[in-house]
């Protein structure tokens, strides 16, 4: 079965201002239990803030390093999931359900990409 990576993109600055939703953890836990029991979720995690990150760039035969936070970037990868699904449509369905668990006031984007097994 093909594997897919879902990259969860967030506006890190806006996310810092979100009010905690007491039901979000409960809804997310129920979805993660369902997706795990279905044998779809292989791995998932949130990522530490960009203030703790370093970007490494290769250009012109030289490496450069930039420590976070990355204020010039509006959206950053805030988490990921690796899913094993029968096809892309199934991966998109699970991703839709994941996004809809979040409060309506949030802005969250997921980029779903097939993992190149070749």
Protein backbone atom coordinates (compact mmCIF):
# COMPACT_ATOMS: atom_id res chain seq x y z
CA UNK A 1 0.00 0.00 0.00
CA UNK A 2 1.30 3.48 -0.79
CA UNK A 3 2.42 5.81 1.95
CA UNK A 4 1.68 9.53 2.13
CA UNK A 5 3.15 12.34 4.16
CA UNK A 6 0.85 15.05 5.39
CA UNK A 7 2.79 18.22 6.22
CA UNK A 8 0.79 20.41 8.57
CA UNK A 9 1.41 24.09 7.88
CA UNK A 10 0.52 26.75 10.41
CA UNK A 11 1.03 30.46 10.92
CA UNK A 12 3.22 30.12 13.98
CA UNK A 13 2.65 33.69 15.16
CA UNK A 14 -1.15 33.40 14.92
CA UNK A 15 -1.11 29.94 16.56
CA UNK A 16 0.56 31.43 19.64
CA UNK A 17 -2.56 33.59 20.16
CA UNK A 18 -5.14 30.81 19.85
CA UNK A 19 -7.24 30.23 22.91
CA UNK A 20 -7.09 26.64 24.14
CA UNK A 21 -10.09 24.62 23.02
CA UNK A 22 -10.94 22.18 25.82
CA UNK A 23 -12.62 19.79 23.39
CA UNK A 24 -9.85 19.83 20.75
CA UNK A 25 -7.65 17.31 22.58
CA UNK A 26 -10.64 15.02 23.07
CA UNK A 27 -11.70 15.24 19.39
CA UNK A 28 -8.11 14.78 18.19
CA UNK A 29 -7.60 11.78 20.48
CA UNK A 30 -10.76 10.11 19.16
CA UNK A 31 -9.69 10.67 15.55
CA UNK A 32 -6.15 9.40 16.22
CA UNK A 33 -7.57 6.29 17.87
CA UNK A 34 -9.82 5.67 14.88
CA UNK A 35 -7.10 6.23 12.29
CA UNK A 36 -4.66 4.03 14.25
CA UNK A 37 -7.21 1.24 14.63
CA UNK A 38 -7.81 1.42 10.85
CA UNK A 39 -4.08 0.72 10.36
CA UNK A 40 -3.60 3.99 8.47
CA UNK A 41 -1.51 6.11 10.87
CA UNK A 42 2.11 5.01 10.84
CA UNK A 43 3.56 8.03 12.64
CA UNK A 44 2.61 11.57 13.64
CA UNK A 45 4.12 14.37 15.68
CA UNK A 46 4.05 18.09 16.21
CA UNK A 47 7.27 20.03 15.75
CA UNK A 48 9.04 22.37 18.16
CA UNK A 49 8.69 26.08 17.35
CA UNK A 50 10.97 27.64 14.75
CA UNK A 51 12.64 29.63 17.53
CA UNK A 52 14.41 26.34 18.30
CA UNK A 53 15.20 25.51 14.65
CA UNK A 54 18.09 26.10 12.26
CA UNK A 55 17.80 26.23 8.48
CA UNK A 56 20.75 24.88 6.52
CA UNK A 57 21.01 26.16 2.94
CA UNK A 58 23.32 24.96 0.15
CA UNK A 59 23.99 27.40 -2.70
CA UNK A 60 26.97 28.14 -4.90
CA UNK A 61 29.02 25.43 -3.23
CA UNK A 62 28.61 26.96 0.23
CA UNK A 63 26.53 26.18 3.29
CA UNK A 64 24.80 28.84 5.30
CA UNK A 65 22.95 28.51 8.60
CA UNK A 66 20.05 30.62 9.85
CA UNK A 67 18.75 30.22 13.37
CA UNK A 68 15.03 30.66 13.97
CA UNK A 69 12.56 32.10 14.46
CA UNK A 70 12.00 32.70 10.77
CA UNK A 71 10.03 35.94 10.85
CA UNK A 72 10.04 36.32 7.05
CA UNK A 73 8.04 33.11 6.69
CA UNK A 74 4.29 33.26 7.23
CA UNK A 75 3.56 29.53 7.22
CA UNK A 76 5.84 26.88 8.70
CA UNK A 77 5.58 23.11 9.03
CA UNK A 78 4.16 22.62 12.51
CA UNK A 79 3.73 18.85 12.37
CA UNK A 80 3.47 15.82 10.14
CA UNK A 81 1.76 12.48 9.74
CA UNK A 82 2.77 9.44 7.73
CA UNK A 83 -0.26 7.54 6.47
CA UNK A 84 -0.52 4.21 4.70
CA UNK A 85 -3.62 4.29 2.51
CA UNK A 86 -5.02 2.38 -0.44
CA UNK A 87 -4.81 5.54 -2.57
CA UNK A 88 -4.50 9.33 -2.51
CA UNK A 89 -8.26 9.76 -2.13
CA UNK A 90 -8.19 7.87 1.17
CA UNK A 91 -5.23 9.96 2.37
CA UNK A 92 -7.14 13.13 1.48
CA UNK A 93 -10.24 11.88 3.32
CA UNK A 94 -8.29 11.29 6.55
CA UNK A 95 -6.60 14.68 6.12
CA UNK A 96 -9.99 16.37 5.66
CA UNK A 97 -11.21 14.81 8.88
CA UNK A 98 -8.03 15.87 10.70
CA UNK A 99 -8.40 19.48 9.59
CA UNK A 100 -12.09 19.60 10.49
CA UNK A 101 -11.30 18.59 14.08
CA UNK A 102 -9.70 22.03 14.56
CA UNK A 103 -11.73 25.06 15.69
CA UNK A 104 -13.24 27.12 12.87
CA UNK A 105 -11.23 30.16 13.97
CA UNK A 106 -7.93 28.39 13.22
CA UNK A 107 -6.15 28.43 9.87
CA UNK A 108 -4.36 25.13 9.21
CA UNK A 109 -3.14 23.79 5.86
CA UNK A 110 -2.05 20.26 5.04
CA UNK A 111 0.12 19.36 2.09
CA UNK A 112 -0.42 15.69 1.22
CA UNK A 113 2.34 14.06 -0.81
CA UNK A 114 2.99 10.49 -1.85
CA UNK A 115 6.22 9.05 -0.49
CA UNK A 116 8.45 8.05 -3.40
CA UNK A 117 9.03 4.35 -2.86
CA UNK A 118 11.11 4.04 -6.02
